Amino acid sequence: MGARENAANQHMLIYKICHRGEWAQAEREHVYAGSAKDRQDGFIHFSKAGQVRQTLERYFDGDNDLVLVAIDADRVAFSLRFEPSSGGALFPHLYGALPLSSVAWVKSIVRNPDGSYVLPRECV
């Protein structure tokens, strides 16, 4: 399917790593408009399950109080595109706000005493 996969054919969860405060605001507003970086780029960055740890370590290194939000890709397929990152891997990008009705679950990302992250078992 090339650089852009048809998201409607994806029966999967995609994941967003958020600071807990950002997500709390989304819950109050019933919609997630994205992080400052997302808004700057013009889309909301997501990861597939196998990409979450890499995204977490690359972009959130040292951050605390994070949550992992699982999204039903079928529920946002109308504005979801799978596009190559700078390394060539395809990452899901949502062009538009995320309706909270598409959220499957939200779980805390905790840290081990050594500082490494522990992902929710549903994502591992």
C-alpha atoms as a PDB file:
ATOM      1  CA  MET A   1       0.000   0.000   0.000  1.00  0.00           C
ATOM      2  CA  GLY A   2       3.012   2.284  -0.051  1.00  0.00           C
ATOM      3  CA  ALA A   3       3.811   4.964   2.468  1.00  0.00           C
ATOM      4  CA  ARG A   4       0.170   5.498   3.314  1.00  0.00           C
ATOM      5  CA  GLU A   5      -1.669   2.423   4.450  1.00  0.00           C
ATOM      6  CA  ASN A   6      -5.418   2.431   4.368  1.00  0.00           C
ATOM      7  CA  ALA A   7      -6.236   2.857   8.046  1.00  0.00           C
ATOM      8  CA  ALA A   8      -9.708   1.420   7.496  1.00  0.00           C
ATOM      9  CA  ASN A   9      -8.059  -1.974   6.886  1.00  0.00           C
ATOM     10  CA  GLN A  10      -6.175  -1.828  10.177  1.00  0.00           C
ATOM     11  CA  HIS A  11      -7.869  -3.729  12.995  1.00  0.00           C
ATOM     12  CA  MET A  12      -5.573  -2.595  15.720  1.00  0.00           C
ATOM     13  CA  LEU A  13      -4.929  -0.317  18.619  1.00  0.00           C
ATOM     14  CA  ILE A  14      -2.625   2.653  18.243  1.00  0.00           C
ATOM     15  CA  TYR A  15      -1.048   4.437  21.184  1.00  0.00           C
ATOM     16  CA  LYS A  16      -0.457   7.974  22.404  1.00  0.00           C
ATOM     17  CA  ILE A  17       1.974   8.808  25.186  1.00  0.00           C
ATOM     18  CA  CYS A  18       0.776  11.850  27.147  1.00  0.00           C
ATOM     19  CA  HIS A  19       1.657  13.748  30.244  1.00  0.00           C
ATOM     20  CA  ARG A  20      -1.052  13.081  32.813  1.00  0.00           C
ATOM     21  CA  GLY A  21      -2.018  16.777  32.989  1.00  0.00           C
ATOM     22  CA  GLU A  22      -2.521  16.950  29.208  1.00  0.00           C
ATOM     23  CA  TRP A  23      -4.766  13.929  29.327  1.00  0.00           C
ATOM     24  CA  ALA A  24      -6.747  15.286  32.286  1.00  0.00           C
ATOM     25  CA  GLN A  25      -7.453  18.405  30.221  1.00  0.00           C
ATOM     26  CA  ALA A  26      -8.618  16.242  27.300  1.00  0.00           C
ATOM     27  CA  GLU A  27     -10.988  14.398  29.617  1.00  0.00           C
ATOM     28  CA  ARG A  28     -12.442  17.695  30.850  1.00  0.00           C
ATOM     29  CA  GLU A  29     -12.903  18.895  27.255  1.00  0.00           C
ATOM     30  CA  HIS A  30     -14.016  15.491  25.879  1.00  0.00           C
ATOM     31  CA  VAL A  31     -11.500  15.806  23.044  1.00  0.00           C
ATOM     32  CA  TYR A  32      -7.718  15.680  22.693  1.00  0.00           C
ATOM     33  CA  ALA A  33      -6.251  18.340  20.408  1.00  0.00           C
ATOM     34  CA  GLY A  34      -2.697  17.029  20.739  1.00  0.00           C
ATOM     35  CA  SER A  35       0.472  18.123  22.462  1.00  0.00           C
ATOM     36  CA  ALA A  36       2.274  21.341  21.580  1.00  0.00           C
ATOM     37  CA  LYS A  37       4.502  19.296  19.220  1.00  0.00           C
ATOM     38  CA  ASP A  38       1.444  17.676  17.610  1.00  0.00           C
ATOM     39  CA  ARG A  39      -0.196  21.045  17.000  1.00  0.00           C
ATOM     40  CA  GLN A  40       3.069  22.422  15.577  1.00  0.00           C
ATOM     41  CA  ASP A  41       3.330  19.474  13.158  1.00  0.00           C
ATOM     42  CA  GLY A  42      -0.346  19.637  12.143  1.00  0.00           C
ATOM     43  CA  PHE A  43      -1.245  16.106  13.262  1.00  0.00           C
ATOM     44  CA  ILE A  44      -1.318  13.970  16.398  1.00  0.00           C
ATOM     45  CA  HIS A  45       1.591  11.534  16.638  1.00  0.00           C
ATOM     46  CA  PHE A  46       0.755   7.940  17.567  1.00  0.00           C
ATOM     47  CA  SER A  47       2.713   4.702  17.697  1.00  0.00           C
ATOM     48  CA  LYS A  48       1.923   1.113  16.880  1.00  0.00           C
ATOM     49  CA  ALA A  49       2.475  -1.367  19.726  1.00  0.00           C
ATOM     50  CA  GLY A  50       5.989  -2.278  18.601  1.00  0.00           C
ATOM     51  CA  GLN A  51       6.952   1.410  18.404  1.00  0.00           C
ATOM     52  CA  VAL A  52       5.806   2.593  21.843  1.00  0.00           C
ATOM     53  CA  ARG A  53       8.990   1.842  23.769  1.00  0.00           C
ATOM     54  CA  GLN A  54      11.186   3.518  21.127  1.00  0.00           C
ATOM     55  CA  THR A  55       8.934   6.601  21.106  1.00  0.00           C
ATOM     56  CA  LEU A  56       8.919   6.723  24.892  1.00  0.00           C
ATOM     57  CA  GLU A  57      12.701   6.489  25.183  1.00  0.00           C
ATOM     58  CA  ARG A  58      13.391   8.925  22.336  1.00  0.00           C
ATOM     59  CA  TYR A  59      10.907  11.689  23.084  1.00  0.00           C
ATOM     60  CA  PHE A  60      10.010  11.298  26.770  1.00  0.00           C
ATOM     61  CA  ASP A  61      13.342  10.302  28.309  1.00  0.00           C
ATOM     62  CA  GLY A  62      13.377  11.435  31.913  1.00  0.00           C
ATOM     63  CA  ASP A  63       9.717  12.481  31.935  1.00  0.00           C
ATOM     64  CA  ASN A  64       7.459  11.329  34.744  1.00  0.00           C
ATOM     65  CA  ASP A  65       3.722  11.205  35.281  1.00  0.00           C
ATOM     66  CA  LEU A  66       2.948   9.781  31.850  1.00  0.00           C
ATOM     67  CA  VAL A  67      -0.049   7.829  30.601  1.00  0.00           C
ATOM     68  CA  LEU A  68      -0.442   5.524  27.643  1.00  0.00           C
ATOM     69  CA  VAL A  69      -3.695   5.988  25.753  1.00  0.00           C
ATOM     70  CA  ALA A  70      -4.891   3.123  23.547  1.00  0.00           C
ATOM     71  CA  ILE A  71      -7.020   4.165  20.572  1.00  0.00           C
ATOM     72  CA  ASP A  72      -9.196   1.956  18.389  1.00  0.00           C
ATOM     73  CA  ALA A  73      -7.756   2.779  14.953  1.00  0.00           C
ATOM     74  CA  ASP A  74     -11.031   1.839  13.240  1.00  0.00           C
ATOM     75  CA  ARG A  75     -12.833   4.628  15.122  1.00  0.00           C
ATOM     76  CA  VAL A  76     -10.512   7.323  13.716  1.00  0.00           C
ATOM     77  CA  ALA A  77      -9.816   5.753  10.311  1.00  0.00           C
ATOM     78  CA  PHE A  78     -11.400   8.713   8.489  1.00  0.00           C
ATOM     79  CA  SER A  79      -8.463  10.976   9.405  1.00  0.00           C
ATOM     80  CA  LEU A  80      -5.670   8.503  10.189  1.00  0.00           C
ATOM     81  CA  ARG A  81      -2.660   8.056   7.915  1.00  0.00           C
ATOM     82  CA  PHE A  82       0.367   5.815   8.267  1.00  0.00           C
ATOM     83  CA  GLU A  83       3.351   7.876   7.183  1.00  0.00           C
ATOM     84  CA  PRO A  84       7.119   7.323   7.227  1.00  0.00           C
ATOM     85  CA  SER A  85       9.229   8.775  10.000  1.00  0.00           C
ATOM     86  CA  SER A  86      12.707  10.134   9.373  1.00  0.00           C
ATOM     87  CA  GLY A  87      13.968   6.547   9.782  1.00  0.00           C
ATOM     88  CA  GLY A  88      11.440   5.198   7.267  1.00  0.00           C
ATOM     89  CA  ALA A  89       9.157   3.282   9.669  1.00  0.00           C
ATOM     90  CA  LEU A  90       5.440   3.950   9.230  1.00  0.00           C
ATOM     91  CA  PHE A  91       3.822   5.737  12.153  1.00  0.00           C
ATOM     92  CA  PRO A  92       0.127   6.559  12.593  1.00  0.00           C
ATOM     93  CA  HIS A  93      -0.720  10.263  12.343  1.00  0.00           C
ATOM     94  CA  LEU A  94      -4.161  11.647  13.072  1.00  0.00           C
ATOM     95  CA  TYR A  95      -5.142  14.743  11.099  1.00  0.00           C
ATOM     96  CA  GLY A  96      -7.659  16.338  13.418  1.00  0.00           C
ATOM     97  CA  ALA A  97      -8.660  16.201  17.051  1.00  0.00           C
ATOM     98  CA  LEU A  98      -9.024  12.871  18.826  1.00  0.00           C
ATOM     99  CA  PRO A  99     -12.576  12.176  19.997  1.00  0.00           C
ATOM    100  CA  LEU A 100     -12.452  10.465  23.379  1.00  0.00           C
ATOM    101  CA  SER A 101     -15.097   8.015  22.179  1.00  0.00           C
ATOM    102  CA  SER A 102     -12.275   6.273  20.271  1.00  0.00           C
ATOM    103  CA  VAL A 103     -10.262   5.563  23.442  1.00  0.00           C
ATOM    104  CA  ALA A 104     -10.078   1.889  24.419  1.00  0.00           C
ATOM    105  CA  TRP A 105      -8.179   2.459  27.673  1.00  0.00           C
ATOM    106  CA  VAL A 106      -5.754   4.737  29.529  1.00  0.00           C
ATOM    107  CA  LYS A 107      -3.003   3.314  31.775  1.00  0.00           C
ATOM    108  CA  SER A 108      -0.170   4.841  33.773  1.00  0.00           C
ATOM    109  CA  ILE A 109       3.403   4.411  32.596  1.00  0.00           C
ATOM    110  CA  VAL A 110       5.539   3.800  35.671  1.00  0.00           C
ATOM    111  CA  ARG A 111       9.263   3.780  36.207  1.00  0.00           C
ATOM    112  CA  ASN A 112      11.515   1.185  37.769  1.00  0.00           C
ATOM    113  CA  PRO A 113      13.981   2.324  40.446  1.00  0.00           C
ATOM    114  CA  ASP A 114      16.685   2.326  37.746  1.00  0.00           C
ATOM    115  CA  GLY A 115      14.675   4.864  35.743  1.00  0.00           C
ATOM    116  CA  SER A 116      13.545   2.492  32.996  1.00  0.00           C
ATOM    117  CA  TYR A 117       9.897   2.629  31.962  1.00  0.00           C
ATOM    118  CA  VAL A 118       7.369  -0.118  32.610  1.00  0.00           C
ATOM    119  CA  LEU A 119       4.686  -0.289  29.933  1.00  0.00           C
ATOM    120  CA  PRO A 120       1.206  -1.617  30.649  1.00  0.00           C
ATOM    121  CA  ARG A 121       1.141  -5.338  29.917  1.00  0.00           C
ATOM    122  CA  GLU A 122      -1.618  -4.799  27.335  1.00  0.00           C
ATOM    123  CA  CYS A 123       0.921  -3.010  25.136  1.00  0.00           C
ATOM    124  CA  VAL A 124       3.920  -5.287  25.562  1.00  0.00           C
END
